[in-house]
Amino acid sequence: MAEEVEKILKYARYSTKKGIVHTQSYYINNYLVRYLRDRGLGNRIITHDSNFGAREEAQFQHIVAREKRPYYFIFSVYDRGARP
């Protein structure tokens, strides 16, 4: 999966676009972020950790990011462990 996300971020058609990558766990999220940063794509990533409010702050950064900075918001599941 990480290799495919890398291809998308590098593909010329998407190199100026914002996007969202949804992962199923913090483990996968961290792996994908490390993989992309190791390949020089860290400047295109907004992500979060498990600290209270971190995900919401990252989401806000992604929403207000200008088109000059085509970030990809990589985040883990929003409803995992949530109770109604």
C-alpha atoms as a PDB file:
ATOM      1  CA  MET A   1       0.000   0.000   0.000  1.00  0.00           C
ATOM      2  CA  ALA A   2       2.789   2.431   0.884  1.00  0.00           C
ATOM      3  CA  GLU A   3       4.342   2.102  -2.573  1.00  0.00           C
ATOM      4  CA  GLU A   4       1.004   2.911  -4.236  1.00  0.00           C
ATOM      5  CA  VAL A   5       0.481   6.002  -2.081  1.00  0.00           C
ATOM      6  CA  GLU A   6       4.010   7.116  -2.978  1.00  0.00           C
ATOM      7  CA  LYS A   7       3.191   6.759  -6.683  1.00  0.00           C
ATOM      8  CA  ILE A   8       0.062   8.863  -6.284  1.00  0.00           C
ATOM      9  CA  LEU A   9       1.900  11.657  -4.469  1.00  0.00           C
ATOM     10  CA  LYS A  10       4.619  11.682  -7.144  1.00  0.00           C
ATOM     11  CA  TYR A  11       2.265  11.392 -10.132  1.00  0.00           C
ATOM     12  CA  ALA A  12       2.293  14.713 -11.994  1.00  0.00           C
ATOM     13  CA  ARG A  13      -1.502  14.921 -12.195  1.00  0.00           C
ATOM     14  CA  TYR A  14      -1.763  14.857  -8.391  1.00  0.00           C
ATOM     15  CA  SER A  15       1.434  16.700  -7.489  1.00  0.00           C
ATOM     16  CA  THR A  16      -0.514  19.960  -6.976  1.00  0.00           C
ATOM     17  CA  LYS A  17      -3.612  18.433  -5.327  1.00  0.00           C
ATOM     18  CA  LYS A  18      -4.600  17.950  -1.712  1.00  0.00           C
ATOM     19  CA  GLY A  19      -5.838  14.543  -0.618  1.00  0.00           C
ATOM     20  CA  ILE A  20      -6.773  12.252   2.234  1.00  0.00           C
ATOM     21  CA  VAL A  21      -5.383   8.820   3.080  1.00  0.00           C
ATOM     22  CA  HIS A  22      -7.386   6.883   5.650  1.00  0.00           C
ATOM     23  CA  THR A  23      -5.610   4.127   7.564  1.00  0.00           C
ATOM     24  CA  GLN A  24      -7.134   1.531   9.875  1.00  0.00           C
ATOM     25  CA  SER A  25      -4.748   1.917  12.810  1.00  0.00           C
ATOM     26  CA  TYR A  26      -2.020   4.092  14.294  1.00  0.00           C
ATOM     27  CA  TYR A  27       0.469   1.340  13.446  1.00  0.00           C
ATOM     28  CA  ILE A  28      -0.364   1.550   9.734  1.00  0.00           C
ATOM     29  CA  ASN A  29      -0.554   5.335   9.920  1.00  0.00           C
ATOM     30  CA  ASN A  30       2.919   5.590  11.457  1.00  0.00           C
ATOM     31  CA  TYR A  31       4.390   3.078   9.015  1.00  0.00           C
ATOM     32  CA  LEU A  32       3.003   4.954   5.993  1.00  0.00           C
ATOM     33  CA  VAL A  33       4.180   8.346   7.256  1.00  0.00           C
ATOM     34  CA  ARG A  34       7.701   7.013   7.962  1.00  0.00           C
ATOM     35  CA  TYR A  35       7.816   5.341   4.546  1.00  0.00           C
ATOM     36  CA  LEU A  36       6.841   8.551   2.730  1.00  0.00           C
ATOM     37  CA  ARG A  37       9.155  10.763   4.790  1.00  0.00           C
ATOM     38  CA  ASP A  38      12.068   8.415   4.062  1.00  0.00           C
ATOM     39  CA  ARG A  39      11.385   8.960   0.357  1.00  0.00           C
ATOM     40  CA  GLY A  40      11.412  12.757   0.538  1.00  0.00           C
ATOM     41  CA  LEU A  41       7.666  13.324   0.676  1.00  0.00           C
ATOM     42  CA  GLY A  42       7.473  14.584   4.261  1.00  0.00           C
ATOM     43  CA  ASN A  43       6.756  18.112   3.073  1.00  0.00           C
ATOM     44  CA  ARG A  44       3.454  16.859   1.575  1.00  0.00           C
ATOM     45  CA  ILE A  45       2.129  15.175   4.724  1.00  0.00           C
ATOM     46  CA  ILE A  46      -0.076  16.310   7.568  1.00  0.00           C
ATOM     47  CA  THR A  47      -0.691  13.639  10.185  1.00  0.00           C
ATOM     48  CA  HIS A  48      -1.351  13.212  13.886  1.00  0.00           C
ATOM     49  CA  ASP A  49      -0.545  11.076  16.887  1.00  0.00           C
ATOM     50  CA  SER A  50      -2.841   9.670  19.564  1.00  0.00           C
ATOM     51  CA  ASN A  51      -2.685  12.724  21.847  1.00  0.00           C
ATOM     52  CA  PHE A  52      -5.994  14.383  22.703  1.00  0.00           C
ATOM     53  CA  GLY A  53      -6.947  16.913  20.024  1.00  0.00           C
ATOM     54  CA  ALA A  54      -4.045  16.086  17.688  1.00  0.00           C
ATOM     55  CA  ARG A  55      -6.243  14.580  14.976  1.00  0.00           C
ATOM     56  CA  GLU A  56      -8.618  17.556  14.991  1.00  0.00           C
ATOM     57  CA  GLU A  57      -5.689  19.992  14.778  1.00  0.00           C
ATOM     58  CA  ALA A  58      -4.213  18.077  11.825  1.00  0.00           C
ATOM     59  CA  GLN A  59      -7.610  18.038  10.119  1.00  0.00           C
ATOM     60  CA  PHE A  60      -7.888  21.810  10.581  1.00  0.00           C
ATOM     61  CA  GLN A  61      -4.404  22.303   9.084  1.00  0.00           C
ATOM     62  CA  HIS A  62      -5.427  20.226   6.071  1.00  0.00           C
ATOM     63  CA  ILE A  63      -8.634  22.182   5.530  1.00  0.00           C
ATOM     64  CA  VAL A  64      -6.962  25.596   5.621  1.00  0.00           C
ATOM     65  CA  ALA A  65      -3.844  24.584   3.653  1.00  0.00           C
ATOM     66  CA  ARG A  66      -3.532  26.680   0.518  1.00  0.00           C
ATOM     67  CA  GLU A  67      -3.278  25.128  -2.906  1.00  0.00           C
ATOM     68  CA  LYS A  68       0.367  26.265  -3.007  1.00  0.00           C
ATOM     69  CA  ARG A  69       0.998  23.554  -0.421  1.00  0.00           C
ATOM     70  CA  PRO A  70      -0.656  20.369  -1.683  1.00  0.00           C
ATOM     71  CA  TYR A  71      -0.745  18.409   1.563  1.00  0.00           C
ATOM     72  CA  TYR A  72      -2.065  14.906   2.072  1.00  0.00           C
ATOM     73  CA  PHE A  73      -3.833  14.303   5.371  1.00  0.00           C
ATOM     74  CA  ILE A  74      -2.920  10.814   6.584  1.00  0.00           C
ATOM     75  CA  PHE A  75      -5.100   9.790   9.486  1.00  0.00           C
ATOM     76  CA  SER A  76      -6.289   6.768  11.394  1.00  0.00           C
ATOM     77  CA  VAL A  77      -9.868   5.715  12.033  1.00  0.00           C
ATOM     78  CA  TYR A  78     -12.117   8.365  13.552  1.00  0.00           C
ATOM     79  CA  ASP A  79     -14.681   6.066  15.131  1.00  0.00           C
ATOM     80  CA  ARG A  80     -12.470   3.248  16.428  1.00  0.00           C
ATOM     81  CA  GLY A  81     -13.390   2.662  20.044  1.00  0.00           C
ATOM     82  CA  ALA A  82     -16.045   5.374  20.083  1.00  0.00           C
ATOM     83  CA  ARG A  83     -19.288   4.760  21.914  1.00  0.00           C
ATOM     84  CA  PRO A  84     -22.695   6.126  20.885  1.00  0.00           C
END
